[in-house]
């Protein structure tokens, strides 16, 4: 990425894929998507590699992935597939499916039965989703963003490789939320604001704890280990952004399942 603060250190491959050891453009820009472990990412899908080091929405330049994440949720992909679906999954987890080519994903999403006659997945151009993915400029942008998001999820091998070279902010689950976050719009900002893309962009507000806790800096009763019911009910969706094992999601999921409010 032009202007990347660590460009001189990391080089081109971590962000664009391909083989930085080759001396010709043809060889360096190989393999193609769906044909190898670290494919060259074509123009329009370079954001796939951003998630190797960053959480969606954490830094500028991930707008297409944010749109793709929203499409993944709103198009109900998360209803059948992981990441984000509660087990057992109806369809395969996209993290476990080998990365496909851009052209293959487009054909599959538009008409899966044309690719595989026995496929049970419906088309995103069916009546239910036509307004969101129809043949309009907005629908085309949503489709392209969804393809980028799916390509990013399938980038699991590279995400594990780069996890050793970049640290994520620690996700604290053993202290009250108010230790770091504001309670709501009327409360004075305390520490860092909640940065979850889905919470902030969908609700158009910061994490609104005061809806239940009032405006005081409420903390759980001493000795309480109960997770917020709102978070416990939808914590599995956190996995759609938190794809790396070192960013706290594994602990949060375990904590939620163990302490889920009745």
C-alpha atoms as a PDB file:
ATOM      1  CA  UNK A   1       0.000   0.000   0.000  1.00  0.00           C
ATOM      2  CA  UNK A   2       1.436   3.356  -0.956  1.00  0.00           C
ATOM      3  CA  UNK A   3       2.365   5.228   2.168  1.00  0.00           C
ATOM      4  CA  UNK A   4       2.322   2.182   4.448  1.00  0.00           C
ATOM      5  CA  UNK A   5       4.402   3.173   7.501  1.00  0.00           C
ATOM      6  CA  UNK A   6       6.397  -0.090   7.409  1.00  0.00           C
ATOM      7  CA  UNK A   7       6.791  -0.435   3.640  1.00  0.00           C
ATOM      8  CA  UNK A   8      10.605  -0.290   3.776  1.00  0.00           C
ATOM      9  CA  UNK A   9      10.616  -3.100   6.355  1.00  0.00           C
ATOM     10  CA  UNK A  10       7.920  -5.499   5.158  1.00  0.00           C
ATOM     11  CA  UNK A  11       8.188  -4.966   1.387  1.00  0.00           C
ATOM     12  CA  UNK A  12       5.403  -5.682  -1.097  1.00  0.00           C
ATOM     13  CA  UNK A  13       4.518  -9.363  -0.565  1.00  0.00           C
ATOM     14  CA  UNK A  14       2.718  -9.138   2.823  1.00  0.00           C
ATOM     15  CA  UNK A  15       0.166  -6.728   1.316  1.00  0.00           C
ATOM     16  CA  UNK A  16       0.032  -7.824  -2.311  1.00  0.00           C
ATOM     17  CA  UNK A  17       0.990 -11.490  -2.255  1.00  0.00           C
ATOM     18  CA  UNK A  18       3.015 -13.130  -4.996  1.00  0.00           C
ATOM     19  CA  UNK A  19       6.706 -13.971  -4.886  1.00  0.00           C
ATOM     20  CA  UNK A  20       9.032 -11.116  -4.000  1.00  0.00           C
ATOM     21  CA  UNK A  21      12.100 -13.182  -4.863  1.00  0.00           C
ATOM     22  CA  UNK A  22      11.358 -13.322  -8.590  1.00  0.00           C
ATOM     23  CA  UNK A  23      12.972 -10.887 -11.034  1.00  0.00           C
ATOM     24  CA  UNK A  24      10.167 -10.516 -13.595  1.00  0.00           C
ATOM     25  CA  UNK A  25       6.694  -9.119 -13.083  1.00  0.00           C
ATOM     26  CA  UNK A  26       5.049 -12.226 -14.545  1.00  0.00           C
ATOM     27  CA  UNK A  27       6.774 -14.558 -12.083  1.00  0.00           C
ATOM     28  CA  UNK A  28       6.452 -12.168  -9.125  1.00  0.00           C
ATOM     29  CA  UNK A  29       2.708 -11.785  -9.719  1.00  0.00           C
ATOM     30  CA  UNK A  30       2.073 -15.507  -9.372  1.00  0.00           C
ATOM     31  CA  UNK A  31       0.311 -17.661  -8.434  1.00  0.00           C
ATOM     32  CA  UNK A  32      -3.137 -16.319  -9.267  1.00  0.00           C
ATOM     33  CA  UNK A  33      -5.998 -16.340  -6.775  1.00  0.00           C
ATOM     34  CA  UNK A  34      -7.150 -19.874  -6.088  1.00  0.00           C
ATOM     35  CA  UNK A  35      -3.960 -21.438  -7.422  1.00  0.00           C
ATOM     36  CA  UNK A  36      -1.459 -21.303  -4.586  1.00  0.00           C
ATOM     37  CA  UNK A  37      -0.628 -20.582  -0.967  1.00  0.00           C
ATOM     38  CA  UNK A  38       0.243 -16.884  -1.303  1.00  0.00           C
ATOM     39  CA  UNK A  39      -1.503 -15.677  -4.475  1.00  0.00           C
ATOM     40  CA  UNK A  40      -0.935 -12.286  -6.021  1.00  0.00           C
ATOM     41  CA  UNK A  41      -3.882 -10.089  -5.069  1.00  0.00           C
ATOM     42  CA  UNK A  42      -5.307  -8.284  -8.117  1.00  0.00           C
ATOM     43  CA  UNK A  43      -6.329  -4.647  -8.135  1.00  0.00           C
ATOM     44  CA  UNK A  44      -9.505  -4.226  -6.137  1.00  0.00           C
ATOM     45  CA  UNK A  45      -8.797  -7.041  -3.679  1.00  0.00           C
ATOM     46  CA  UNK A  46      -5.566  -5.896  -2.022  1.00  0.00           C
ATOM     47  CA  UNK A  47      -7.522  -5.288   1.200  1.00  0.00           C
ATOM     48  CA  UNK A  48      -7.609  -9.073   1.645  1.00  0.00           C
ATOM     49  CA  UNK A  49      -4.082  -8.873   3.049  1.00  0.00           C
ATOM     50  CA  UNK A  50      -4.873  -6.031   5.469  1.00  0.00           C
ATOM     51  CA  UNK A  51      -6.666  -8.528   7.733  1.00  0.00           C
ATOM     52  CA  UNK A  52      -3.433 -10.487   8.129  1.00  0.00           C
ATOM     53  CA  UNK A  53      -2.300  -7.821  10.574  1.00  0.00           C
ATOM     54  CA  UNK A  54      -5.352  -5.636  11.276  1.00  0.00           C
ATOM     55  CA  UNK A  55      -8.932  -6.134  12.448  1.00  0.00           C
ATOM     56  CA  UNK A  56     -11.539  -4.868   9.968  1.00  0.00           C
ATOM     57  CA  UNK A  57     -12.094  -1.154  10.545  1.00  0.00           C
ATOM     58  CA  UNK A  58      -9.025  -0.795  12.751  1.00  0.00           C
ATOM     59  CA  UNK A  59      -7.115   1.269  10.178  1.00  0.00           C
ATOM     60  CA  UNK A  60      -7.970   3.369   7.142  1.00  0.00           C
ATOM     61  CA  UNK A  61      -8.000   1.634   3.764  1.00  0.00           C
ATOM     62  CA  UNK A  62     -10.309  -1.265   4.706  1.00  0.00           C
ATOM     63  CA  UNK A  63     -13.564   0.296   3.500  1.00  0.00           C
ATOM     64  CA  UNK A  64     -14.275  -2.464   0.985  1.00  0.00           C
ATOM     65  CA  UNK A  65     -13.837  -5.144   3.649  1.00  0.00           C
ATOM     66  CA  UNK A  66     -16.196  -3.218   5.940  1.00  0.00           C
ATOM     67  CA  UNK A  67     -18.824  -3.163   3.166  1.00  0.00           C
ATOM     68  CA  UNK A  68     -18.193  -6.856   2.496  1.00  0.00           C
ATOM     69  CA  UNK A  69     -18.590  -7.665   6.182  1.00  0.00           C
ATOM     70  CA  UNK A  70     -21.948  -5.870   6.214  1.00  0.00           C
ATOM     71  CA  UNK A  71     -23.012  -7.763   3.069  1.00  0.00           C
ATOM     72  CA  UNK A  72     -21.991 -11.058   4.692  1.00  0.00           C
ATOM     73  CA  UNK A  73     -24.296 -10.307   7.625  1.00  0.00           C
ATOM     74  CA  UNK A  74     -27.173  -8.674   5.716  1.00  0.00           C
ATOM     75  CA  UNK A  75     -27.148 -11.277   2.963  1.00  0.00           C
ATOM     76  CA  UNK A  76     -27.580 -13.891   5.719  1.00  0.00           C
ATOM     77  CA  UNK A  77     -24.422 -15.767   4.673  1.00  0.00           C
ATOM     78  CA  UNK A  78     -23.678 -15.921   8.398  1.00  0.00           C
ATOM     79  CA  UNK A  79     -26.892 -17.896   8.870  1.00  0.00           C
ATOM     80  CA  UNK A  80     -25.320 -20.990   7.286  1.00  0.00           C
ATOM     81  CA  UNK A  81     -21.557 -20.433   7.148  1.00  0.00           C
ATOM     82  CA  UNK A  82     -18.739 -19.699   9.531  1.00  0.00           C
ATOM     83  CA  UNK A  83     -17.182 -17.458  10.546  1.00  0.00           C
ATOM     84  CA  UNK A  84     -19.976 -16.270  12.804  1.00  0.00           C
ATOM     85  CA  UNK A  85     -22.493 -19.101  12.593  1.00  0.00           C
ATOM     86  CA  UNK A  86     -23.160 -21.045  15.754  1.00  0.00           C
ATOM     87  CA  UNK A  87     -22.253 -24.738  15.388  1.00  0.00           C
ATOM     88  CA  UNK A  88     -23.299 -27.004  13.868  1.00  0.00           C
ATOM     89  CA  UNK A  89     -22.971 -25.083  10.623  1.00  0.00           C
ATOM     90  CA  UNK A  90     -25.353 -25.815   7.755  1.00  0.00           C
ATOM     91  CA  UNK A  91     -22.771 -24.943   5.134  1.00  0.00           C
ATOM     92  CA  UNK A  92     -18.975 -25.274   5.325  1.00  0.00           C
ATOM     93  CA  UNK A  93     -16.923 -22.778   7.271  1.00  0.00           C
ATOM     94  CA  UNK A  94     -15.371 -20.386   4.783  1.00  0.00           C
ATOM     95  CA  UNK A  95     -12.205 -20.446   6.863  1.00  0.00           C
ATOM     96  CA  UNK A  96     -11.729 -24.113   5.972  1.00  0.00           C
ATOM     97  CA  UNK A  97     -12.531 -23.818   2.253  1.00  0.00           C
ATOM     98  CA  UNK A  98      -9.462 -23.324   0.008  1.00  0.00           C
ATOM     99  CA  UNK A  99      -9.260 -19.879  -1.533  1.00  0.00           C
ATOM    100  CA  UNK A 100     -11.009 -19.732  -4.914  1.00  0.00           C
ATOM    101  CA  UNK A 101     -10.513 -17.413  -7.860  1.00  0.00           C
ATOM    102  CA  UNK A 102     -12.452 -14.166  -8.098  1.00  0.00           C
ATOM    103  CA  UNK A 103     -14.265 -15.426 -11.220  1.00  0.00           C
ATOM    104  CA  UNK A 104     -15.271 -18.702  -9.516  1.00  0.00           C
ATOM    105  CA  UNK A 105     -16.718 -16.894  -6.493  1.00  0.00           C
ATOM    106  CA  UNK A 106     -18.716 -14.553  -8.717  1.00  0.00           C
ATOM    107  CA  UNK A 107     -20.201 -17.478 -10.682  1.00  0.00           C
ATOM    108  CA  UNK A 108     -20.969 -19.394  -7.490  1.00  0.00           C
ATOM    109  CA  UNK A 109     -22.646 -16.459  -5.730  1.00  0.00           C
ATOM    110  CA  UNK A 110     -24.755 -15.525  -8.744  1.00  0.00           C
ATOM    111  CA  UNK A 111     -25.848 -19.080  -9.618  1.00  0.00           C
ATOM    112  CA  UNK A 112     -24.361 -21.908  -7.549  1.00  0.00           C
ATOM    113  CA  UNK A 113     -26.370 -24.569  -9.383  1.00  0.00           C
ATOM    114  CA  UNK A 114     -24.785 -23.563 -12.686  1.00  0.00           C
ATOM    115  CA  UNK A 115     -21.429 -24.464 -11.106  1.00  0.00           C
ATOM    116  CA  UNK A 116     -22.666 -27.510  -9.182  1.00  0.00           C
ATOM    117  CA  UNK A 117     -26.149 -28.840 -10.090  1.00  0.00           C
ATOM    118  CA  UNK A 118     -26.587 -30.457  -6.658  1.00  0.00           C
ATOM    119  CA  UNK A 119     -25.778 -27.249  -4.761  1.00  0.00           C
ATOM    120  CA  UNK A 120     -28.327 -26.250  -2.113  1.00  0.00           C
ATOM    121  CA  UNK A 121     -27.178 -22.639  -1.736  1.00  0.00           C
ATOM    122  CA  UNK A 122     -29.471 -20.018  -3.224  1.00  0.00           C
ATOM    123  CA  UNK A 123     -28.353 -17.184  -5.505  1.00  0.00           C
ATOM    124  CA  UNK A 124     -27.800 -13.724  -4.046  1.00  0.00           C
ATOM    125  CA  UNK A 125     -29.806 -12.436  -6.995  1.00  0.00           C
ATOM    126  CA  UNK A 126     -32.917 -14.284  -5.748  1.00  0.00           C
ATOM    127  CA  UNK A 127     -35.915 -12.101  -4.944  1.00  0.00           C
ATOM    128  CA  UNK A 128     -35.040 -11.902  -1.240  1.00  0.00           C
ATOM    129  CA  UNK A 129     -31.670 -10.265  -1.926  1.00  0.00           C
ATOM    130  CA  UNK A 130     -32.271  -8.570  -5.270  1.00  0.00           C
ATOM    131  CA  UNK A 131     -32.505  -5.102  -3.758  1.00  0.00           C
ATOM    132  CA  UNK A 132     -29.134  -5.548  -2.065  1.00  0.00           C
ATOM    133  CA  UNK A 133     -27.195  -7.363  -4.795  1.00  0.00           C
ATOM    134  CA  UNK A 134     -29.222  -6.453  -7.895  1.00  0.00           C
ATOM    135  CA  UNK A 135     -27.840  -5.188 -11.192  1.00  0.00           C
ATOM    136  CA  UNK A 136     -27.381  -1.619 -10.004  1.00  0.00           C
ATOM    137  CA  UNK A 137     -24.197   0.308  -9.158  1.00  0.00           C
ATOM    138  CA  UNK A 138     -24.906  -0.189  -5.454  1.00  0.00           C
ATOM    139  CA  UNK A 139     -25.663  -3.900  -5.937  1.00  0.00           C
ATOM    140  CA  UNK A 140     -22.453  -4.355  -7.926  1.00  0.00           C
ATOM    141  CA  UNK A 141     -20.394  -2.680  -5.190  1.00  0.00           C
ATOM    142  CA  UNK A 142     -21.986  -4.934  -2.577  1.00  0.00           C
ATOM    143  CA  UNK A 143     -21.215  -8.045  -4.654  1.00  0.00           C
ATOM    144  CA  UNK A 144     -17.586  -7.032  -5.225  1.00  0.00           C
ATOM    145  CA  UNK A 145     -17.157  -6.245  -1.537  1.00  0.00           C
ATOM    146  CA  UNK A 146     -18.669  -9.599  -0.527  1.00  0.00           C
ATOM    147  CA  UNK A 147     -16.221 -11.385  -2.836  1.00  0.00           C
ATOM    148  CA  UNK A 148     -13.329  -9.489  -1.213  1.00  0.00           C
ATOM    149  CA  UNK A 149     -14.551 -10.458   2.250  1.00  0.00           C
ATOM    150  CA  UNK A 150     -14.856 -14.163   1.311  1.00  0.00           C
ATOM    151  CA  UNK A 151     -11.365 -14.085  -0.225  1.00  0.00           C
ATOM    152  CA  UNK A 152     -10.089 -12.563   3.013  1.00  0.00           C
ATOM    153  CA  UNK A 153     -11.694 -15.241   5.204  1.00  0.00           C
ATOM    154  CA  UNK A 154     -10.087 -17.975   3.078  1.00  0.00           C
ATOM    155  CA  UNK A 155      -6.685 -16.317   3.563  1.00  0.00           C
ATOM    156  CA  UNK A 156      -6.342 -18.325   6.795  1.00  0.00           C
ATOM    157  CA  UNK A 157      -2.876 -19.851   6.088  1.00  0.00           C
ATOM    158  CA  UNK A 158      -1.304 -16.438   5.552  1.00  0.00           C
ATOM    159  CA  UNK A 159      -3.084 -14.957   8.557  1.00  0.00           C
ATOM    160  CA  UNK A 160      -1.410 -17.610  10.748  1.00  0.00           C
ATOM    161  CA  UNK A 161       1.970 -16.898   9.153  1.00  0.00           C
ATOM    162  CA  UNK A 162       1.824 -13.155   9.771  1.00  0.00           C
ATOM    163  CA  UNK A 163       0.432 -13.514  13.291  1.00  0.00           C
ATOM    164  CA  UNK A 164       3.998 -14.029  14.469  1.00  0.00           C
ATOM    165  CA  UNK A 165       5.046 -10.638  13.074  1.00  0.00           C
ATOM    166  CA  UNK A 166       2.292  -8.298  14.256  1.00  0.00           C
ATOM    167  CA  UNK A 167       0.695  -7.868  17.644  1.00  0.00           C
ATOM    168  CA  UNK A 168      -3.000  -7.203  18.249  1.00  0.00           C
ATOM    169  CA  UNK A 169      -4.350  -5.006  21.033  1.00  0.00           C
ATOM    170  CA  UNK A 170      -5.224  -7.127  24.048  1.00  0.00           C
ATOM    171  CA  UNK A 171      -8.943  -7.846  24.379  1.00  0.00           C
ATOM    172  CA  UNK A 172      -9.747  -7.652  28.099  1.00  0.00           C
ATOM    173  CA  UNK A 173     -12.642  -9.796  29.271  1.00  0.00           C
ATOM    174  CA  UNK A 174     -11.829 -10.034  32.961  1.00  0.00           C
ATOM    175  CA  UNK A 175     -12.679  -6.447  33.960  1.00  0.00           C
ATOM    176  CA  UNK A 176     -15.850  -4.292  33.715  1.00  0.00           C
ATOM    177  CA  UNK A 177     -16.365  -2.661  30.304  1.00  0.00           C
ATOM    178  CA  UNK A 178     -16.396   0.740  32.001  1.00  0.00           C
ATOM    179  CA  UNK A 179     -12.727   0.393  32.826  1.00  0.00           C
ATOM    180  CA  UNK A 180     -11.949   1.244  29.201  1.00  0.00           C
ATOM    181  CA  UNK A 181     -15.177   2.374  27.512  1.00  0.00           C
ATOM    182  CA  UNK A 182     -17.705   5.166  27.818  1.00  0.00           C
ATOM    183  CA  UNK A 183     -21.195   4.103  28.881  1.00  0.00           C
ATOM    184  CA  UNK A 184     -23.025   6.061  26.200  1.00  0.00           C
ATOM    185  CA  UNK A 185     -23.565   9.365  24.442  1.00  0.00           C
ATOM    186  CA  UNK A 186     -24.374  11.318  27.620  1.00  0.00           C
ATOM    187  CA  UNK A 187     -21.456   9.974  29.624  1.00  0.00           C
ATOM    188  CA  UNK A 188     -18.050  11.547  29.621  1.00  0.00           C
ATOM    189  CA  UNK A 189     -15.704   9.568  27.411  1.00  0.00           C
ATOM    190  CA  UNK A 190     -13.470   7.403  29.554  1.00  0.00           C
ATOM    191  CA  UNK A 191     -10.452   5.836  27.916  1.00  0.00           C
ATOM    192  CA  UNK A 192     -10.800   4.264  24.475  1.00  0.00           C
ATOM    193  CA  UNK A 193     -14.095   4.280  22.600  1.00  0.00           C
ATOM    194  CA  UNK A 194     -15.478   0.961  21.442  1.00  0.00           C
ATOM    195  CA  UNK A 195     -14.175   0.399  17.899  1.00  0.00           C
ATOM    196  CA  UNK A 196     -16.281  -2.596  16.791  1.00  0.00           C
ATOM    197  CA  UNK A 197     -17.241  -1.945  13.156  1.00  0.00           C
ATOM    198  CA  UNK A 198     -20.576  -3.700  13.464  1.00  0.00           C
ATOM    199  CA  UNK A 199     -21.606  -1.974  16.708  1.00  0.00           C
ATOM    200  CA  UNK A 200     -20.531   1.508  15.708  1.00  0.00           C
ATOM    201  CA  UNK A 201     -21.584   1.523  12.038  1.00  0.00           C
ATOM    202  CA  UNK A 202     -24.846  -0.383  12.497  1.00  0.00           C
ATOM    203  CA  UNK A 203     -26.065   1.289  15.665  1.00  0.00           C
ATOM    204  CA  UNK A 204     -24.564   4.681  14.726  1.00  0.00           C
ATOM    205  CA  UNK A 205     -23.369   5.074  18.308  1.00  0.00           C
ATOM    206  CA  UNK A 206     -20.753   3.899  20.730  1.00  0.00           C
ATOM    207  CA  UNK A 207     -21.429   0.810  22.838  1.00  0.00           C
ATOM    208  CA  UNK A 208     -24.612   1.908  24.646  1.00  0.00           C
ATOM    209  CA  UNK A 209     -24.263   0.368  28.105  1.00  0.00           C
ATOM    210  CA  UNK A 210     -26.390   3.097  29.692  1.00  0.00           C
ATOM    211  CA  UNK A 211     -29.455   1.639  28.020  1.00  0.00           C
ATOM    212  CA  UNK A 212     -29.409  -0.951  30.844  1.00  0.00           C
ATOM    213  CA  UNK A 213     -27.083   0.541  33.437  1.00  0.00           C
ATOM    214  CA  UNK A 214     -28.170   4.180  33.488  1.00  0.00           C
ATOM    215  CA  UNK A 215     -25.712   7.047  33.325  1.00  0.00           C
ATOM    216  CA  UNK A 216     -23.631   6.114  36.364  1.00  0.00           C
ATOM    217  CA  UNK A 217     -20.378   4.232  35.854  1.00  0.00           C
ATOM    218  CA  UNK A 218     -22.054   0.968  36.810  1.00  0.00           C
ATOM    219  CA  UNK A 219     -19.870  -2.073  37.375  1.00  0.00           C
ATOM    220  CA  UNK A 220     -20.979  -5.675  37.973  1.00  0.00           C
ATOM    221  CA  UNK A 221     -21.532  -6.648  41.631  1.00  0.00           C
ATOM    222  CA  UNK A 222     -18.374  -7.744  43.384  1.00  0.00           C
ATOM    223  CA  UNK A 223     -17.663 -11.367  42.548  1.00  0.00           C
ATOM    224  CA  UNK A 224     -20.028 -11.371  39.553  1.00  0.00           C
ATOM    225  CA  UNK A 225     -18.783 -13.279  36.514  1.00  0.00           C
ATOM    226  CA  UNK A 226     -21.854 -12.888  34.325  1.00  0.00           C
ATOM    227  CA  UNK A 227     -21.231 -11.654  30.807  1.00  0.00           C
ATOM    228  CA  UNK A 228     -23.502  -8.909  29.472  1.00  0.00           C
ATOM    229  CA  UNK A 229     -26.576 -10.722  28.022  1.00  0.00           C
ATOM    230  CA  UNK A 230     -26.483  -8.594  24.845  1.00  0.00           C
ATOM    231  CA  UNK A 231     -22.904  -9.603  24.177  1.00  0.00           C
ATOM    232  CA  UNK A 232     -23.461 -13.224  25.191  1.00  0.00           C
ATOM    233  CA  UNK A 233     -26.355 -13.577  22.725  1.00  0.00           C
ATOM    234  CA  UNK A 234     -24.350 -12.468  19.711  1.00  0.00           C
ATOM    235  CA  UNK A 235     -20.721 -13.021  20.676  1.00  0.00           C
ATOM    236  CA  UNK A 236     -20.327 -15.692  17.971  1.00  0.00           C
ATOM    237  CA  UNK A 237     -20.640 -12.900  15.376  1.00  0.00           C
ATOM    238  CA  UNK A 238     -17.410 -11.352  16.682  1.00  0.00           C
ATOM    239  CA  UNK A 239     -15.582 -14.079  14.771  1.00  0.00           C
ATOM    240  CA  UNK A 240     -16.468 -12.427  11.455  1.00  0.00           C
ATOM    241  CA  UNK A 241     -13.823  -9.769  12.264  1.00  0.00           C
ATOM    242  CA  UNK A 242     -11.642 -11.399  14.910  1.00  0.00           C
ATOM    243  CA  UNK A 243     -10.174 -14.170  12.766  1.00  0.00           C
ATOM    244  CA  UNK A 244      -6.800 -14.528  14.434  1.00  0.00           C
ATOM    245  CA  UNK A 245      -6.303 -16.613  17.546  1.00  0.00           C
ATOM    246  CA  UNK A 246      -4.097 -13.968  19.172  1.00  0.00           C
ATOM    247  CA  UNK A 247      -6.646 -11.132  19.268  1.00  0.00           C
ATOM    248  CA  UNK A 248      -8.674 -12.393  22.230  1.00  0.00           C
ATOM    249  CA  UNK A 249     -11.668 -13.926  20.478  1.00  0.00           C
ATOM    250  CA  UNK A 250     -10.930 -17.482  21.587  1.00  0.00           C
ATOM    251  CA  UNK A 251     -10.934 -16.383  25.225  1.00  0.00           C
ATOM    252  CA  UNK A 252     -14.071 -14.279  24.762  1.00  0.00           C
ATOM    253  CA  UNK A 253     -16.001 -17.134  23.125  1.00  0.00           C
ATOM    254  CA  UNK A 254     -14.953 -19.537  25.864  1.00  0.00           C
ATOM    255  CA  UNK A 255     -15.901 -16.985  28.507  1.00  0.00           C
ATOM    256  CA  UNK A 256     -19.301 -16.349  26.894  1.00  0.00           C
ATOM    257  CA  UNK A 257     -20.202 -20.024  26.618  1.00  0.00           C
ATOM    258  CA  UNK A 258     -19.189 -20.656  30.193  1.00  0.00           C
ATOM    259  CA  UNK A 259     -20.934 -17.624  31.672  1.00  0.00           C
ATOM    260  CA  UNK A 260     -23.855 -17.162  29.277  1.00  0.00           C
ATOM    261  CA  UNK A 261     -26.729 -15.536  31.126  1.00  0.00           C
ATOM    262  CA  UNK A 262     -29.919 -17.684  31.332  1.00  0.00           C
END
